[in-house]
Amino acid sequence: MRKIAGRTLESARQPYALKTPNKDERWCMENVKDSYFFIGSYKWDGSHIYIDKATEKVHFCAPDDATPLFTWNSLEDMLISELTRLYSLFTEDGHRINKAKSTLPI
């Protein structure tokens, strides 16, 4: 459920339909190819994660440029890696250990 409508910097970090980055907003990013399917983003800075359907690799990129900053070999590799990494940033009851530490994969 989105608490803020629109696509401002704050609202972009809330849940959104996959149609938004894949149909409605592709034009506002640089270096996007037709084979890219955006699957999520990081609340930390609004950066994106997408699958390149041509290679089946998963890429992490900046909020406004699809040039890969980090790459996983598959969706499974990304999920295992990110779940393990993100789990280490929180206590057992779900509180962030260090709110100043970036949640980005790089």
PDB file of N, CA and C in Angstrom:
ATOM      1  N   MET A   1       0.843  -1.177   0.000  1.00  0.00           N
ATOM      2  CA  MET A   1       0.000   0.000   0.000  1.00  0.00           C
ATOM      3  C   MET A   1       0.887   1.240   0.000  1.00  0.00           C
ATOM      4  N   ARG A   2       0.672   2.096  -0.966  1.00  0.00           N
ATOM      5  CA  ARG A   2       1.431   3.334  -1.045  1.00  0.00           C
ATOM      6  C   ARG A   2       0.779   4.380  -0.163  1.00  0.00           C
ATOM      7  N   LYS A   3       1.578   5.039   0.665  1.00  0.00           N
ATOM      8  CA  LYS A   3       1.059   6.081   1.550  1.00  0.00           C
ATOM      9  C   LYS A   3       1.100   7.442   0.887  1.00  0.00           C
ATOM     10  N   ILE A   4       1.943   7.597  -0.142  1.00  0.00           N
ATOM     11  CA  ILE A   4       2.064   8.865  -0.857  1.00  0.00           C
ATOM     12  C   ILE A   4       1.870   8.586  -2.345  1.00  0.00           C
ATOM     13  N   ALA A   5       0.939   9.283  -2.979  1.00  0.00           N
ATOM     14  CA  ALA A   5       0.709   9.099  -4.411  1.00  0.00           C
ATOM     15  C   ALA A   5       1.760   9.862  -5.205  1.00  0.00           C
ATOM     16  N   GLY A   6       1.954   9.463  -6.458  1.00  0.00           N
ATOM     17  CA  GLY A   6       2.909  10.157  -7.316  1.00  0.00           C
ATOM     18  C   GLY A   6       4.262   9.494  -7.320  1.00  0.00           C
ATOM     19  N   ARG A   7       5.229  10.134  -7.993  1.00  0.00           N
ATOM     20  CA  ARG A   7       6.561   9.555  -8.108  1.00  0.00           C
ATOM     21  C   ARG A   7       7.630  10.566  -7.717  1.00  0.00           C
ATOM     22  N   THR A   8       7.412  11.235  -6.610  1.00  0.00           N
ATOM     23  CA  THR A   8       8.439  12.120  -6.081  1.00  0.00           C
ATOM     24  C   THR A   8       9.542  11.255  -5.490  1.00  0.00           C
ATOM     25  N   LEU A   9      10.650  11.868  -5.080  1.00  0.00           N
ATOM     26  CA  LEU A   9      11.754  11.112  -4.497  1.00  0.00           C
ATOM     27  C   LEU A   9      11.276  10.276  -3.320  1.00  0.00           C
ATOM     28  N   GLU A  10      10.454  10.831  -2.448  1.00  0.00           N
ATOM     29  CA  GLU A  10       9.961  10.090  -1.285  1.00  0.00           C
ATOM     30  C   GLU A  10       8.992   8.984  -1.683  1.00  0.00           C
ATOM     31  N   SER A  11       8.051   9.276  -2.569  1.00  0.00           N
ATOM     32  CA  SER A  11       7.052   8.272  -2.916  1.00  0.00           C
ATOM     33  C   SER A  11       7.642   7.158  -3.773  1.00  0.00           C
ATOM     34  N   ALA A  12       8.723   7.427  -4.491  1.00  0.00           N
ATOM     35  CA  ALA A  12       9.347   6.411  -5.336  1.00  0.00           C
ATOM     36  C   ALA A  12       9.939   5.285  -4.509  1.00  0.00           C
ATOM     37  N   ARG A  13      10.169   5.525  -3.241  1.00  0.00           N
ATOM     38  CA  ARG A  13      10.778   4.521  -2.383  1.00  0.00           C
ATOM     39  C   ARG A  13       9.737   3.667  -1.667  1.00  0.00           C
ATOM     40  N   GLN A  14       8.483   3.847  -2.026  1.00  0.00           N
ATOM     41  CA  GLN A  14       7.412   3.034  -1.478  1.00  0.00           C
ATOM     42  C   GLN A  14       7.113   1.919  -2.476  1.00  0.00           C
ATOM     43  N   PRO A  15       6.332   0.918  -2.060  1.00  0.00           N
ATOM     44  CA  PRO A  15       5.961  -0.140  -3.014  1.00  0.00           C
ATOM     45  C   PRO A  15       5.278   0.442  -4.245  1.00  0.00           C
ATOM     46  N   TYR A  16       5.509  -0.181  -5.381  1.00  0.00           N
ATOM     47  CA  TYR A  16       4.902   0.287  -6.624  1.00  0.00           C
ATOM     48  C   TYR A  16       4.650  -0.903  -7.540  1.00  0.00           C
ATOM     49  N   ALA A  17       3.744  -0.723  -8.490  1.00  0.00           N
ATOM     50  CA  ALA A  17       3.452  -1.766  -9.461  1.00  0.00           C
ATOM     51  C   ALA A  17       4.631  -1.914 -10.409  1.00  0.00           C
ATOM     52  N   LEU A  18       4.924  -3.129 -10.847  1.00  0.00           N
ATOM     53  CA  LEU A  18       6.034  -3.352 -11.782  1.00  0.00           C
ATOM     54  C   LEU A  18       5.824  -2.613 -13.104  1.00  0.00           C
ATOM     55  N   LYS A  19       4.582  -2.259 -13.403  1.00  0.00           N
ATOM     56  CA  LYS A  19       4.305  -1.501 -14.623  1.00  0.00           C
ATOM     57  C   LYS A  19       4.978  -0.123 -14.577  1.00  0.00           C
ATOM     58  N   THR A  20       5.097   0.456 -13.392  1.00  0.00           N
ATOM     59  CA  THR A  20       5.632   1.813 -13.271  1.00  0.00           C
ATOM     60  C   THR A  20       7.038   1.933 -13.844  1.00  0.00           C
ATOM     61  N   PRO A  21       8.036   1.161 -13.383  1.00  0.00           N
ATOM     62  CA  PRO A  21       9.372   1.325 -13.960  1.00  0.00           C
ATOM     63  C   PRO A  21       9.530   0.670 -15.329  1.00  0.00           C
ATOM     64  N   ASN A  22       8.691  -0.295 -15.647  1.00  0.00           N
ATOM     65  CA  ASN A  22       8.866  -1.030 -16.900  1.00  0.00           C
ATOM     66  C   ASN A  22       8.095  -0.448 -18.082  1.00  0.00           C
ATOM     67  N   LYS A  23       7.075   0.317 -17.839  1.00  0.00           N
ATOM     68  CA  LYS A  23       6.293   0.923 -18.931  1.00  0.00           C
ATOM     69  C   LYS A  23       6.240   2.439 -18.824  1.00  0.00           C
ATOM     70  N   ASP A  24       5.915   2.941 -17.649  1.00  0.00           N
ATOM     71  CA  ASP A  24       5.652   4.368 -17.493  1.00  0.00           C
ATOM     72  C   ASP A  24       6.895   5.222 -17.343  1.00  0.00           C
ATOM     73  N   GLU A  25       7.991   4.669 -16.818  1.00  0.00           N
ATOM     74  CA  GLU A  25       9.142   5.510 -16.481  1.00  0.00           C
ATOM     75  C   GLU A  25      10.450   5.141 -17.169  1.00  0.00           C
ATOM     76  N   ARG A  26      10.455   4.206 -18.065  1.00  0.00           N
ATOM     77  CA  ARG A  26      11.697   3.799 -18.740  1.00  0.00           C
ATOM     78  C   ARG A  26      12.357   4.974 -19.448  1.00  0.00           C
ATOM     79  N   TRP A  27      11.561   5.888 -19.939  1.00  0.00           N
ATOM     80  CA  TRP A  27      12.080   7.022 -20.702  1.00  0.00           C
ATOM     81  C   TRP A  27      12.935   7.968 -19.862  1.00  0.00           C
ATOM     82  N   CYS A  28      12.798   7.959 -18.558  1.00  0.00           N
ATOM     83  CA  CYS A  28      13.534   8.916 -17.728  1.00  0.00           C
ATOM     84  C   CYS A  28      14.855   8.350 -17.200  1.00  0.00           C
ATOM     85  N   MET A  29      15.213   7.146 -17.613  1.00  0.00           N
ATOM     86  CA  MET A  29      16.504   6.558 -17.237  1.00  0.00           C
ATOM     87  C   MET A  29      17.401   6.468 -18.462  1.00  0.00           C
ATOM     88  N   GLU A  30      18.686   6.584 -18.244  1.00  0.00           N
ATOM     89  CA  GLU A  30      19.654   6.444 -19.326  1.00  0.00           C
ATOM     90  C   GLU A  30      20.062   4.979 -19.477  1.00  0.00           C
ATOM     91  N   ASN A  31      20.477   4.610 -20.687  1.00  0.00           N
ATOM     92  CA  ASN A  31      21.067   3.302 -20.996  1.00  0.00           C
ATOM     93  C   ASN A  31      20.154   2.111 -20.725  1.00  0.00           C
ATOM     94  N   VAL A  32      18.842   2.288 -20.903  1.00  0.00           N
ATOM     95  CA  VAL A  32      17.888   1.192 -20.725  1.00  0.00           C
ATOM     96  C   VAL A  32      17.723   0.460 -22.047  1.00  0.00           C
ATOM     97  N   LYS A  33      17.776  -0.865 -21.999  1.00  0.00           N
ATOM     98  CA  LYS A  33      17.545  -1.693 -23.177  1.00  0.00           C
ATOM     99  C   LYS A  33      16.182  -2.359 -23.070  1.00  0.00           C
ATOM    100  N   ASP A  34      15.637  -2.769 -24.214  1.00  0.00           N
ATOM    101  CA  ASP A  34      14.335  -3.428 -24.226  1.00  0.00           C
ATOM    102  C   ASP A  34      14.331  -4.727 -23.416  1.00  0.00           C
ATOM    103  N   SER A  35      15.488  -5.351 -23.256  1.00  0.00           N
ATOM    104  CA  SER A  35      15.563  -6.630 -22.542  1.00  0.00           C
ATOM    105  C   SER A  35      15.600  -6.478 -21.018  1.00  0.00           C
ATOM    106  N   TYR A  36      15.601  -5.256 -20.518  1.00  0.00           N
ATOM    107  CA  TYR A  36      15.663  -5.032 -19.073  1.00  0.00           C
ATOM    108  C   TYR A  36      14.263  -5.073 -18.464  1.00  0.00           C
ATOM    109  N   PHE A  37      14.128  -5.841 -17.386  1.00  0.00           N
ATOM    110  CA  PHE A  37      12.869  -5.926 -16.653  1.00  0.00           C
ATOM    111  C   PHE A  37      13.155  -5.542 -15.202  1.00  0.00           C
ATOM    112  N   PHE A  38      12.680  -4.375 -14.805  1.00  0.00           N
ATOM    113  CA  PHE A  38      12.935  -3.850 -13.466  1.00  0.00           C
ATOM    114  C   PHE A  38      12.059  -4.566 -12.448  1.00  0.00           C
ATOM    115  N   ILE A  39      12.699  -5.058 -11.370  1.00  0.00           N
ATOM    116  CA  ILE A  39      11.971  -5.872 -10.387  1.00  0.00           C
ATOM    117  C   ILE A  39      11.941  -5.261  -8.997  1.00  0.00           C
ATOM    118  N   GLY A  40      12.704  -4.197  -8.766  1.00  0.00           N
ATOM    119  CA  GLY A  40      12.690  -3.608  -7.436  1.00  0.00           C
ATOM    120  C   GLY A  40      13.637  -2.439  -7.306  1.00  0.00           C
ATOM    121  N   SER A  41      13.661  -1.886  -6.112  1.00  0.00           N
ATOM    122  CA  SER A  41      14.545  -0.749  -5.847  1.00  0.00           C
ATOM    123  C   SER A  41      14.929  -0.751  -4.367  1.00  0.00           C
ATOM    124  N   TYR A  42      15.915   0.063  -4.055  1.00  0.00           N
ATOM    125  CA  TYR A  42      16.384   0.199  -2.677  1.00  0.00           C
ATOM    126  C   TYR A  42      15.884   1.512  -2.105  1.00  0.00           C
ATOM    127  N   LYS A  43      15.292   1.444  -0.931  1.00  0.00           N
ATOM    128  CA  LYS A  43      14.780   2.637  -0.264  1.00  0.00           C
ATOM    129  C   LYS A  43      15.905   3.620   0.053  1.00  0.00           C
ATOM    130  N   TRP A  44      17.114   3.110   0.271  1.00  0.00           N
ATOM    131  CA  TRP A  44      18.247   3.950   0.668  1.00  0.00           C
ATOM    132  C   TRP A  44      18.416   5.149  -0.255  1.00  0.00           C
ATOM    133  N   ASP A  45      18.401   4.908  -1.573  1.00  0.00           N
ATOM    134  CA  ASP A  45      18.604   6.010  -2.527  1.00  0.00           C
ATOM    135  C   ASP A  45      17.732   5.917  -3.773  1.00  0.00           C
ATOM    136  N   GLY A  46      16.844   4.929  -3.835  1.00  0.00           N
ATOM    137  CA  GLY A  46      15.986   4.778  -4.996  1.00  0.00           C
ATOM    138  C   GLY A  46      16.647   4.059  -6.155  1.00  0.00           C
ATOM    139  N   SER A  47      17.847   3.482  -5.952  1.00  0.00           N
ATOM    140  CA  SER A  47      18.509   2.731  -7.013  1.00  0.00           C
ATOM    141  C   SER A  47      17.678   1.491  -7.348  1.00  0.00           C
ATOM    142  N   HIS A  48      17.945   0.897  -8.514  1.00  0.00           N
ATOM    143  CA  HIS A  48      17.092  -0.171  -9.041  1.00  0.00           C
ATOM    144  C   HIS A  48      17.803  -1.507  -9.150  1.00  0.00           C
ATOM    145  N   ILE A  49      16.991  -2.557  -9.233  1.00  0.00           N
ATOM    146  CA  ILE A  49      17.446  -3.896  -9.578  1.00  0.00           C
ATOM    147  C   ILE A  49      16.625  -4.329 -10.780  1.00  0.00           C
ATOM    148  N   TYR A  50      17.300  -4.902 -11.775  1.00  0.00           N
ATOM    149  CA  TYR A  50      16.578  -5.389 -12.947  1.00  0.00           C
ATOM    150  C   TYR A  50      17.197  -6.669 -13.461  1.00  0.00           C
ATOM    151  N   ILE A  51      16.397  -7.439 -14.179  1.00  0.00           N
ATOM    152  CA  ILE A  51      16.856  -8.647 -14.852  1.00  0.00           C
ATOM    153  C   ILE A  51      17.046  -8.303 -16.320  1.00  0.00           C
ATOM    154  N   ASP A  52      18.181  -8.666 -16.872  1.00  0.00           N
ATOM    155  CA  ASP A  52      18.392  -8.546 -18.310  1.00  0.00           C
ATOM    156  C   ASP A  52      17.893  -9.854 -18.910  1.00  0.00           C
ATOM    157  N   LYS A  53      16.755  -9.814 -19.583  1.00  0.00           N
ATOM    158  CA  LYS A  53      16.144 -11.024 -20.121  1.00  0.00           C
ATOM    159  C   LYS A  53      17.024 -11.701 -21.168  1.00  0.00           C
ATOM    160  N   ALA A  54      17.945 -10.968 -21.776  1.00  0.00           N
ATOM    161  CA  ALA A  54      18.837 -11.541 -22.785  1.00  0.00           C
ATOM    162  C   ALA A  54      19.907 -12.435 -22.157  1.00  0.00           C
ATOM    163  N   THR A  55      20.328 -12.123 -20.940  1.00  0.00           N
ATOM    164  CA  THR A  55      21.404 -12.881 -20.283  1.00  0.00           C
ATOM    165  C   THR A  55      20.949 -13.605 -19.026  1.00  0.00           C
ATOM    166  N   GLU A  56      19.764 -13.254 -18.508  1.00  0.00           N
ATOM    167  CA  GLU A  56      19.198 -13.758 -17.264  1.00  0.00           C
ATOM    168  C   GLU A  56      20.007 -13.334 -16.037  1.00  0.00           C
ATOM    169  N   LYS A  57      20.894 -12.368 -16.203  1.00  0.00           N
ATOM    170  CA  LYS A  57      21.642 -11.825 -15.071  1.00  0.00           C
ATOM    171  C   LYS A  57      20.837 -10.714 -14.410  1.00  0.00           C
ATOM    172  N   VAL A  58      21.077 -10.507 -13.123  1.00  0.00           N
ATOM    173  CA  VAL A  58      20.392  -9.468 -12.365  1.00  0.00           C
ATOM    174  C   VAL A  58      21.400  -8.368 -12.093  1.00  0.00           C
ATOM    175  N   HIS A  59      20.968  -7.126 -12.315  1.00  0.00           N
ATOM    176  CA  HIS A  59      21.864  -5.987 -12.169  1.00  0.00           C
ATOM    177  C   HIS A  59      21.310  -4.968 -11.176  1.00  0.00           C
ATOM    178  N   PHE A  60      22.231  -4.337 -10.465  1.00  0.00           N
ATOM    179  CA  PHE A  60      21.945  -3.216  -9.586  1.00  0.00           C
ATOM    180  C   PHE A  60      22.433  -1.976 -10.314  1.00  0.00           C
ATOM    181  N   CYS A  61      21.625  -0.894 -10.314  1.00  0.00           N
ATOM    182  CA  CYS A  61      22.012   0.331 -11.011  1.00  0.00           C
ATOM    183  C   CYS A  61      21.551   1.562 -10.241  1.00  0.00           C
ATOM    184  N   ALA A  62      22.064   2.711 -10.654  1.00  0.00           N
ATOM    185  CA  ALA A  62      21.699   3.999 -10.052  1.00  0.00           C
ATOM    186  C   ALA A  62      20.233   4.324 -10.342  1.00  0.00           C
ATOM    187  N   PRO A  63      19.655   5.284  -9.625  1.00  0.00           N
ATOM    188  CA  PRO A  63      18.247   5.636  -9.844  1.00  0.00           C
ATOM    189  C   PRO A  63      17.942   6.168 -11.240  1.00  0.00           C
ATOM    190  N   ASP A  64      18.926   6.761 -11.914  1.00  0.00           N
ATOM    191  CA  ASP A  64      18.653   7.407 -13.200  1.00  0.00           C
ATOM    192  C   ASP A  64      19.471   6.862 -14.367  1.00  0.00           C
ATOM    193  N   ASP A  65      20.212   5.765 -14.168  1.00  0.00           N
ATOM    194  CA  ASP A  65      21.060   5.210 -15.216  1.00  0.00           C
ATOM    195  C   ASP A  65      21.124   3.698 -15.046  1.00  0.00           C
ATOM    196  N   ALA A  66      20.757   2.948 -16.088  1.00  0.00           N
ATOM    197  CA  ALA A  66      20.697   1.492 -16.006  1.00  0.00           C
ATOM    198  C   ALA A  66      22.051   0.816 -16.194  1.00  0.00           C
ATOM    199  N   THR A  67      23.125   1.576 -16.301  1.00  0.00           N
ATOM    200  CA  THR A  67      24.449   0.972 -16.392  1.00  0.00           C
ATOM    201  C   THR A  67      24.694   0.159 -15.115  1.00  0.00           C
ATOM    202  N   PRO A  68      25.010  -1.138 -15.240  1.00  0.00           N
ATOM    203  CA  PRO A  68      25.173  -1.971 -14.042  1.00  0.00           C
ATOM    204  C   PRO A  68      26.305  -1.498 -13.135  1.00  0.00           C
ATOM    205  N   LEU A  69      26.009  -1.417 -11.847  1.00  0.00           N
ATOM    206  CA  LEU A  69      27.018  -1.112 -10.840  1.00  0.00           C
ATOM    207  C   LEU A  69      27.433  -2.387 -10.105  1.00  0.00           C
ATOM    208  N   PHE A  70      26.567  -3.395 -10.151  1.00  0.00           N
ATOM    209  CA  PHE A  70      26.838  -4.691  -9.546  1.00  0.00           C
ATOM    210  C   PHE A  70      25.986  -5.708 -10.288  1.00  0.00           C
ATOM    211  N   THR A  71      26.488  -6.930 -10.433  1.00  0.00           N
ATOM    212  CA  THR A  71      25.780  -7.961 -11.183  1.00  0.00           C
ATOM    213  C   THR A  71      25.808  -9.293 -10.446  1.00  0.00           C
ATOM    214  N   TRP A  72      24.660  -9.966 -10.460  1.00  0.00           N
ATOM    215  CA  TRP A  72      24.555 -11.335  -9.978  1.00  0.00           C
ATOM    216  C   TRP A  72      24.300 -12.225 -11.192  1.00  0.00           C
ATOM    217  N   ASN A  73      24.700 -13.476 -11.147  1.00  0.00           N
ATOM    218  CA  ASN A  73      24.552 -14.379 -12.291  1.00  0.00           C
ATOM    219  C   ASN A  73      23.122 -14.840 -12.539  1.00  0.00           C
ATOM    220  N   SER A  74      22.274 -14.759 -11.515  1.00  0.00           N
ATOM    221  CA  SER A  74      20.887 -15.207 -11.660  1.00  0.00           C
ATOM    222  C   SER A  74      20.019 -14.571 -10.584  1.00  0.00           C
ATOM    223  N   LEU A  75      18.719 -14.699 -10.750  1.00  0.00           N
ATOM    224  CA  LEU A  75      17.789 -14.206  -9.731  1.00  0.00           C
ATOM    225  C   LEU A  75      17.997 -14.970  -8.422  1.00  0.00           C
ATOM    226  N   GLU A  76      18.209 -16.258  -8.520  1.00  0.00           N
ATOM    227  CA  GLU A  76      18.445 -17.061  -7.320  1.00  0.00           C
ATOM    228  C   GLU A  76      19.696 -16.580  -6.572  1.00  0.00           C
ATOM    229  N   ASP A  77      20.784 -16.333  -7.303  1.00  0.00           N
ATOM    230  CA  ASP A  77      22.003 -15.828  -6.668  1.00  0.00           C
ATOM    231  C   ASP A  77      21.759 -14.490  -5.980  1.00  0.00           C
ATOM    232  N   MET A  78      21.019 -13.595  -6.645  1.00  0.00           N
ATOM    233  CA  MET A  78      20.733 -12.281  -6.060  1.00  0.00           C
ATOM    234  C   MET A  78      19.910 -12.423  -4.786  1.00  0.00           C
ATOM    235  N   LEU A  79      18.873 -13.249  -4.827  1.00  0.00           N
ATOM    236  CA  LEU A  79      18.008 -13.411  -3.652  1.00  0.00           C
ATOM    237  C   LEU A  79      18.767 -13.990  -2.465  1.00  0.00           C
ATOM    238  N   ILE A  80      19.554 -15.019  -2.686  1.00  0.00           N
ATOM    239  CA  ILE A  80      20.312 -15.618  -1.592  1.00  0.00           C
ATOM    240  C   ILE A  80      21.327 -14.618  -1.039  1.00  0.00           C
ATOM    241  N   SER A  81      22.034 -13.956  -1.926  1.00  0.00           N
ATOM    242  CA  SER A  81      23.049 -12.983  -1.519  1.00  0.00           C
ATOM    243  C   SER A  81      22.441 -11.819  -0.739  1.00  0.00           C
ATOM    244  N   GLU A  82      21.374 -11.246  -1.274  1.00  0.00           N
ATOM    245  CA  GLU A  82      20.761 -10.084  -0.639  1.00  0.00           C
ATOM    246  C   GLU A  82      20.034 -10.444   0.654  1.00  0.00           C
ATOM    247  N   LEU A  83      19.369 -11.568   0.696  1.00  0.00           N
ATOM    248  CA  LEU A  83      18.706 -11.969   1.942  1.00  0.00           C
ATOM    249  C   LEU A  83      19.725 -12.186   3.051  1.00  0.00           C
ATOM    250  N   THR A  84      20.828 -12.825   2.726  1.00  0.00           N
ATOM    251  CA  THR A  84      21.891 -13.049   3.707  1.00  0.00           C
ATOM    252  C   THR A  84      22.492 -11.724   4.162  1.00  0.00           C
ATOM    253  N   ARG A  85      22.803 -10.857   3.210  1.00  0.00           N
ATOM    254  CA  ARG A  85      23.433  -9.570   3.522  1.00  0.00           C
ATOM    255  C   ARG A  85      22.483  -8.673   4.324  1.00  0.00           C
ATOM    256  N   LEU A  86      21.253  -8.533   3.866  1.00  0.00           N
ATOM    257  CA  LEU A  86      20.297  -7.659   4.546  1.00  0.00           C
ATOM    258  C   LEU A  86      19.946  -8.190   5.941  1.00  0.00           C
ATOM    259  N   TYR A  87      19.871  -9.497   6.082  1.00  0.00           N
ATOM    260  CA  TYR A  87      19.590 -10.089   7.393  1.00  0.00           C
ATOM    261  C   TYR A  87      20.636  -9.654   8.413  1.00  0.00           C
ATOM    262  N   SER A  88      21.884  -9.510   7.977  1.00  0.00           N
ATOM    263  CA  SER A  88      22.963  -9.128   8.900  1.00  0.00           C
ATOM    264  C   SER A  88      22.881  -7.664   9.338  1.00  0.00           C
ATOM    265  N   LEU A  89      22.048  -6.870   8.687  1.00  0.00           N
ATOM    266  CA  LEU A  89      21.916  -5.448   9.026  1.00  0.00           C
ATOM    267  C   LEU A  89      20.849  -5.182  10.082  1.00  0.00           C
ATOM    268  N   PHE A  90      20.135  -6.233  10.500  1.00  0.00           N
ATOM    269  CA  PHE A  90      19.016  -6.073  11.429  1.00  0.00           C
ATOM    270  C   PHE A  90      19.162  -7.003  12.626  1.00  0.00           C
ATOM    271  N   THR A  91      18.556  -6.594  13.738  1.00  0.00           N
ATOM    272  CA  THR A  91      18.506  -7.451  14.915  1.00  0.00           C
ATOM    273  C   THR A  91      17.459  -8.533  14.697  1.00  0.00           C
ATOM    274  N   GLU A  92      17.407  -9.502  15.592  1.00  0.00           N
ATOM    275  CA  GLU A  92      16.429 -10.586  15.450  1.00  0.00           C
ATOM    276  C   GLU A  92      14.995 -10.099  15.507  1.00  0.00           C
ATOM    277  N   ASP A  93      14.747  -8.964  16.179  1.00  0.00           N
ATOM    278  CA  ASP A  93      13.379  -8.431  16.246  1.00  0.00           C
ATOM    279  C   ASP A  93      13.099  -7.395  15.160  1.00  0.00           C
ATOM    280  N   GLY A  94      13.989  -7.290  14.154  1.00  0.00           N
ATOM    281  CA  GLY A  94      13.717  -6.462  12.983  1.00  0.00           C
ATOM    282  C   GLY A  94      14.162  -5.022  13.022  1.00  0.00           C
ATOM    283  N   HIS A  95      14.957  -4.622  14.008  1.00  0.00           N
ATOM    284  CA  HIS A  95      15.437  -3.242  14.087  1.00  0.00           C
ATOM    285  C   HIS A  95      16.793  -3.111  13.400  1.00  0.00           C
ATOM    286  N   ARG A  96      16.963  -2.000  12.677  1.00  0.00           N
ATOM    287  CA  ARG A  96      18.251  -1.747  12.023  1.00  0.00           C
ATOM    288  C   ARG A  96      19.349  -1.612  13.067  1.00  0.00           C
ATOM    289  N   ILE A  97      20.482  -2.244  12.835  1.00  0.00           N
ATOM    290  CA  ILE A  97      21.614  -2.173  13.748  1.00  0.00           C
ATOM    291  C   ILE A  97      22.275  -0.805  13.663  1.00  0.00           C
ATOM    292  N   ASN A  98      22.458  -0.300  12.447  1.00  0.00           N
ATOM    293  CA  ASN A  98      23.100   0.997  12.244  1.00  0.00           C
ATOM    294  C   ASN A  98      22.334   1.744  11.150  1.00  0.00           C
ATOM    295  N   LYS A  99      21.478   2.675  11.524  1.00  0.00           N
ATOM    296  CA  LYS A  99      20.638   3.391  10.564  1.00  0.00           C
ATOM    297  C   LYS A  99      21.446   4.246   9.593  1.00  0.00           C
ATOM    298  N   ALA A 100      22.675   4.581   9.946  1.00  0.00           N
ATOM    299  CA  ALA A 100      23.517   5.403   9.073  1.00  0.00           C
ATOM    300  C   ALA A 100      24.227   4.564   7.999  1.00  0.00           C
ATOM    301  N   LYS A 101      24.244   3.242   8.160  1.00  0.00           N
ATOM    302  CA  LYS A 101      24.929   2.367   7.211  1.00  0.00           C
ATOM    303  C   LYS A 101      24.047   2.110   5.995  1.00  0.00           C
ATOM    304  N   SER A 102      24.631   2.248   4.834  1.00  0.00           N
ATOM    305  CA  SER A 102      23.911   2.017   3.580  1.00  0.00           C
ATOM    306  C   SER A 102      23.374   0.583   3.506  1.00  0.00           C
ATOM    307  N   THR A 103      22.220   0.442   2.895  1.00  0.00           N
ATOM    308  CA  THR A 103      21.639  -0.893   2.659  1.00  0.00           C
ATOM    309  C   THR A 103      21.914  -1.366   1.234  1.00  0.00           C
ATOM    310  N   LEU A 104      22.699  -0.630   0.476  1.00  0.00           N
ATOM    311  CA  LEU A 104      22.994  -0.977  -0.919  1.00  0.00           C
ATOM    312  C   LEU A 104      23.988  -2.131  -1.001  1.00  0.00           C
ATOM    313  N   PRO A 105      23.955  -2.903  -2.081  1.00  0.00           N
ATOM    314  CA  PRO A 105      24.835  -4.054  -2.209  1.00  0.00           C
ATOM    315  C   PRO A 105      26.293  -3.719  -2.530  1.00  0.00           C
ATOM    316  N   ILE A 106      26.617  -2.466  -2.737  1.00  0.00           N
ATOM    317  CA  ILE A 106      28.003  -2.092  -3.015  1.00  0.00           C
ATOM    318  C   ILE A 106      28.483  -1.057  -2.014  1.00  0.00           C
TER     319      ILE A 106
END
